Amino acid sequence: MKPVFPNLIAASVTVRPLANKAHIACVLVLTIGFLSTPVLMPSAGNAEDTRIAKAMAALKQKTAKLGEPKIEGTEAVGGKEAPALYFGSTKMNNNFTVVDEVAKEGGRWMAATLFVKGGDDYIRVSTSVPKPGGNGRAIGTVLASPALESIKEGKAYYGTASFLGTPYVTGYEPMKDASGAIIGVYAVGYSQPDLDARAEGRLAYAKTLLGITDDQVPVWKTYEGVSRANVQSLGAAHEAEMAAERLGSPIDRMHAQTDMMQAQLDARKALVPAAEALYNVLTRDQRERADVVLLLLGSSAGINVEQR
C-alpha cells in the first residue's frame, strides 16, 4: 500500500532517524488516541456545544424578528388539536419556514422544533424532524423526558434525549409570552448516530493512514473495540458535565468537570495496552507514518469536529 503522504513521510525520514520504540509507542498512543477519544466526544464549551448554542440562538433570533410569542385560538397539527402558536402575526402551527432555515444553517443532521403548551403537554407544532421512514414531519407529538421535567421547572435542558428511537444531542429552552408565562419550548438538536458515524470515520481515517494489512486486522479490531468503549464512557461523562453546567451549583460543576477529566484519563489508560499491541505488529514504514500522522494532526487538529 502506498503512503498516504509520501512527500511528508520521505521528508520525515530524511531529517531525522527512526525514533526508538518507546517514543513511537507514545506517538501511536497520542496519535490514534487523539482520533478516538477526546476529539470524538464534546466537552462543555467546545465545538459540539457551540453547534447546539448557535442553532438555539438562531431559532430564538429568527422567531423574535417576527414578534412576541403568544397563543391565539387553535389549529390541528398531525391530526392532534393544539393551541395556535404565534410570533407576532405569524402563526407557527404547520409553518416550517423558520425550523427548516435553522436546521439547514446548523449543518448535517441538525433539527429544530417549536412546541406549544397544551394542558400538561408540550406539542410539536413546527419541526424539521421527520417521522420514522421519512413519511412526513413529527408534528403533533409531545415533549417527553428528560427535557420535560426541566421545562416544567422553568429551566433549560441541554444533554442527550431520545426521540422516536433516535438519540439526539439537544438543547431545550422555555418559551415565554409577554407576561412571563411559559407557553412553549424552543428545541434544537442533532442526531447521535452522526456523532457515532464521525467516530467510525476517524478510526477508518487512522487505519488508512497507517495502512493496516489483512494480517494486522485482528489487532486493529481490538484497538477499535477499546476506542468505541471509550467513546461511550466519555459520552456519559459529557452528559453529566453538560447537565451540571446548565443546572448545577458551582460545586456541582467542579465535580462534573473533575469527573470528565478523570474519564478522559481512564480512556487514555484503557487505550495503552491495545495501542502497544498494535505497535508491535506495525512495520517500520507504518511506524514512520504514525509519526507523520502526529505532525499533521497533533497541533492543528487536522480533522475539525465541525466539518460535516
Foldseek 3Di string as FASTA:
>chain_A
DDAPDVVLLVVLVVPDPQDDPVVLLVLLLCLLVLLQFPQLADAPPDDVVVLQVVLLVQLVVVLVVQAFWDWDAWDDAPNHIDTFIHHNPRTQQVPAPSQVVSQVVSDPQKKKFKWFDDPLWTWTRYIPDAAVVRPGRPGGDTDDPDQSVQVVVQFKDFAWDDDNRWIWGKIKHFGAGPVRDGTIIIMMTGTPVVSVVSSVVSLVVLCVNLVQDPVLVVLSVVLVVLSVVLNVLLRVLRRQLRCCVRPNDPVSNVVSVVVNVVSSVVSSVSNSVSSSVSSVPGDSSSSSSSNVSCVCCVPPVNDRPSDD
